[in-house]
Amino acid sequence: VRSDNSGVVAVTNKGRSKSRETNKILKHIYSLQAQNRVRIRSEYVPSRENISDALSRGDIPAFL
């Protein structure tokens, strides 16, 4: 998973957060990964290189 959010990248790769709620979500994600024998890793990408950034902001012409 590529993201321009360094906080998301850090907690998903580390597997834990200071936030109790985030840790609950991470536990569920890691459980699903184990059940399906997959490993999801996150990688930081600068916003200007993130092709989905425009789409997530509703800027369809910039995405195309």
N, C-alpha and C. Protein backbone atom coordinates (compact mmCIF):
# COMPACT_ATOMS: atom_id res chain seq x y z
N VAL A 1 0.85 -1.17 0.00
CA VAL A 1 0.00 0.00 0.00
C VAL A 1 0.89 1.22 0.00
N ARG A 2 0.65 2.13 -0.93
CA ARG A 2 1.42 3.37 -0.99
C ARG A 2 0.55 4.49 -0.46
N SER A 3 1.13 5.34 0.38
CA SER A 3 0.37 6.42 1.00
C SER A 3 1.24 7.66 1.16
N ASP A 4 0.60 8.82 1.09
CA ASP A 4 1.32 10.07 1.36
C ASP A 4 1.12 10.51 2.81
N ASN A 5 0.58 9.61 3.63
CA ASN A 5 0.39 9.89 5.05
C ASN A 5 1.45 9.10 5.83
N SER A 6 2.48 9.79 6.28
CA SER A 6 3.60 9.11 6.94
C SER A 6 3.18 8.44 8.25
N GLY A 7 2.17 8.98 8.92
CA GLY A 7 1.68 8.36 10.15
C GLY A 7 1.05 7.01 9.89
N VAL A 8 0.26 6.92 8.84
CA VAL A 8 -0.37 5.65 8.45
C VAL A 8 0.70 4.63 8.07
N VAL A 9 1.67 5.07 7.29
CA VAL A 9 2.76 4.18 6.89
C VAL A 9 3.49 3.64 8.12
N ALA A 10 3.79 4.51 9.06
CA ALA A 10 4.53 4.11 10.26
C ALA A 10 3.77 3.09 11.09
N VAL A 11 2.51 3.35 11.40
CA VAL A 11 1.78 2.41 12.27
C VAL A 11 1.47 1.10 11.58
N THR A 12 1.21 1.12 10.27
CA THR A 12 0.92 -0.15 9.61
C THR A 12 2.18 -1.02 9.50
N ASN A 13 3.32 -0.40 9.30
CA ASN A 13 4.56 -1.18 9.23
C ASN A 13 5.05 -1.60 10.61
N LYS A 14 4.82 -0.76 11.60
CA LYS A 14 5.26 -1.06 12.96
C LYS A 14 4.32 -2.07 13.63
N GLY A 15 3.03 -1.97 13.31
CA GLY A 15 2.05 -2.90 13.87
C GLY A 15 1.43 -2.42 15.16
N ARG A 16 1.73 -1.20 15.56
CA ARG A 16 1.14 -0.68 16.80
C ARG A 16 1.14 0.84 16.75
N SER A 17 0.32 1.39 17.64
CA SER A 17 0.15 2.83 17.71
C SER A 17 -0.04 3.24 19.16
N LYS A 18 0.06 4.52 19.44
CA LYS A 18 -0.26 5.03 20.78
C LYS A 18 -1.76 5.03 21.01
N SER A 19 -2.52 5.01 19.93
CA SER A 19 -3.98 5.05 20.00
C SER A 19 -4.57 3.67 20.21
N ARG A 20 -5.38 3.53 21.24
CA ARG A 20 -6.04 2.26 21.53
C ARG A 20 -6.95 1.85 20.37
N GLU A 21 -7.71 2.81 19.84
CA GLU A 21 -8.63 2.52 18.73
C GLU A 21 -7.87 2.07 17.48
N THR A 22 -6.77 2.74 17.19
CA THR A 22 -5.96 2.35 16.03
C THR A 22 -5.41 0.94 16.23
N ASN A 23 -5.00 0.62 17.43
CA ASN A 23 -4.48 -0.73 17.71
C ASN A 23 -5.55 -1.80 17.51
N LYS A 24 -6.80 -1.48 17.82
CA LYS A 24 -7.88 -2.44 17.58
C LYS A 24 -8.02 -2.72 16.09
N ILE A 25 -7.94 -1.66 15.30
CA ILE A 25 -8.04 -1.81 13.85
C ILE A 25 -6.84 -2.60 13.32
N LEU A 26 -5.65 -2.26 13.79
CA LEU A 26 -4.45 -2.98 13.36
C LEU A 26 -4.52 -4.46 13.71
N LYS A 27 -5.03 -4.77 14.89
CA LYS A 27 -5.17 -6.17 15.31
C LYS A 27 -6.07 -6.92 14.33
N HIS A 28 -7.15 -6.29 13.94
CA HIS A 28 -8.07 -6.92 12.98
C HIS A 28 -7.38 -7.11 11.62
N ILE A 29 -6.67 -6.09 11.17
CA ILE A 29 -5.96 -6.18 9.88
C ILE A 29 -4.93 -7.31 9.91
N TYR A 30 -4.15 -7.39 10.99
CA TYR A 30 -3.13 -8.43 11.07
C TYR A 30 -3.74 -9.82 11.20
N SER A 31 -4.90 -9.91 11.85
CA SER A 31 -5.60 -11.18 11.93
C SER A 31 -6.05 -11.64 10.54
N LEU A 32 -6.60 -10.72 9.76
CA LEU A 32 -7.01 -11.05 8.39
C LEU A 32 -5.81 -11.46 7.53
N GLN A 33 -4.69 -10.79 7.73
CA GLN A 33 -3.49 -11.15 6.98
C GLN A 33 -3.05 -12.57 7.31
N ALA A 34 -3.07 -12.91 8.59
CA ALA A 34 -2.66 -14.25 9.00
C ALA A 34 -3.61 -15.31 8.44
N GLN A 35 -4.90 -15.04 8.50
CA GLN A 35 -5.89 -16.00 7.99
C GLN A 35 -5.71 -16.25 6.50
N ASN A 36 -5.32 -15.21 5.78
CA ASN A 36 -5.20 -15.30 4.32
C ASN A 36 -3.77 -15.48 3.84
N ARG A 37 -2.86 -15.61 4.79
CA ARG A 37 -1.45 -15.83 4.48
C ARG A 37 -0.88 -14.78 3.53
N VAL A 38 -1.16 -13.53 3.85
CA VAL A 38 -0.62 -12.41 3.08
C VAL A 38 0.02 -11.42 4.05
N ARG A 39 0.86 -10.58 3.52
CA ARG A 39 1.50 -9.53 4.33
C ARG A 39 1.37 -8.22 3.58
N ILE A 40 0.73 -7.27 4.21
CA ILE A 40 0.58 -5.95 3.61
C ILE A 40 1.62 -5.03 4.22
N ARG A 41 2.36 -4.36 3.35
CA ARG A 41 3.35 -3.38 3.80
C ARG A 41 2.98 -2.03 3.23
N SER A 42 3.32 -1.00 3.95
CA SER A 42 3.06 0.36 3.49
C SER A 42 4.36 1.02 3.08
N GLU A 43 4.23 1.89 2.10
CA GLU A 43 5.39 2.63 1.59
C GLU A 43 4.98 4.08 1.42
N TYR A 44 5.82 4.98 1.89
CA TYR A 44 5.53 6.41 1.77
C TYR A 44 5.79 6.88 0.34
N VAL A 45 4.89 7.69 -0.16
CA VAL A 45 5.05 8.32 -1.47
C VAL A 45 4.66 9.79 -1.31
N PRO A 46 5.48 10.71 -1.78
CA PRO A 46 5.13 12.13 -1.67
C PRO A 46 3.80 12.43 -2.39
N SER A 47 3.03 13.36 -1.86
CA SER A 47 1.72 13.69 -2.43
C SER A 47 1.78 13.97 -3.92
N ARG A 48 2.79 14.68 -4.36
CA ARG A 48 2.86 15.04 -5.79
C ARG A 48 3.08 13.82 -6.68
N GLU A 49 3.55 12.71 -6.10
CA GLU A 49 3.76 11.47 -6.87
C GLU A 49 2.63 10.46 -6.65
N ASN A 50 1.69 10.79 -5.79
CA ASN A 50 0.60 9.88 -5.46
C ASN A 50 -0.52 10.04 -6.48
N ILE A 51 -0.63 9.09 -7.40
CA ILE A 51 -1.60 9.23 -8.49
C ILE A 51 -3.04 9.22 -8.01
N SER A 52 -3.31 8.65 -6.86
CA SER A 52 -4.68 8.61 -6.36
C SER A 52 -5.05 9.84 -5.54
N ASP A 53 -4.10 10.72 -5.27
CA ASP A 53 -4.37 11.90 -4.45
C ASP A 53 -5.45 12.79 -5.06
N ALA A 54 -5.35 13.07 -6.33
CA ALA A 54 -6.35 13.92 -6.99
C ALA A 54 -7.73 13.28 -6.93
N LEU A 55 -7.80 11.99 -7.16
CA LEU A 55 -9.08 11.29 -7.14
C LEU A 55 -9.70 11.33 -5.74
N SER A 56 -8.88 11.16 -4.71
CA SER A 56 -9.41 11.18 -3.34
C SER A 56 -9.94 12.56 -2.96
N ARG A 57 -9.50 13.58 -3.66
CA ARG A 57 -9.97 14.95 -3.41
C ARG A 57 -11.07 15.37 -4.39
N GLY A 58 -11.50 14.44 -5.23
CA GLY A 58 -12.59 14.71 -6.17
C GLY A 58 -12.16 15.46 -7.42
N ASP A 59 -10.86 15.54 -7.67
CA ASP A 59 -10.35 16.25 -8.84
C ASP A 59 -10.13 15.25 -9.98
N ILE A 60 -11.22 14.84 -10.61
CA ILE A 60 -11.18 13.81 -11.64
C ILE A 60 -10.31 14.23 -12.83
N PRO A 61 -10.41 15.48 -13.34
CA PRO A 61 -9.56 15.86 -14.48
C PRO A 61 -8.06 15.71 -14.19
N ALA A 62 -7.64 16.05 -12.98
CA ALA A 62 -6.21 15.91 -12.63
C ALA A 62 -5.81 14.45 -12.55
N PHE A 63 -6.75 13.58 -12.15
CA PHE A 63 -6.48 12.15 -12.05
C PHE A 63 -6.30 11.55 -13.44
N LEU A 64 -7.11 12.01 -14.38
CA LEU A 64 -7.06 11.46 -15.74
C LEU A 64 -5.83 11.99 -16.46
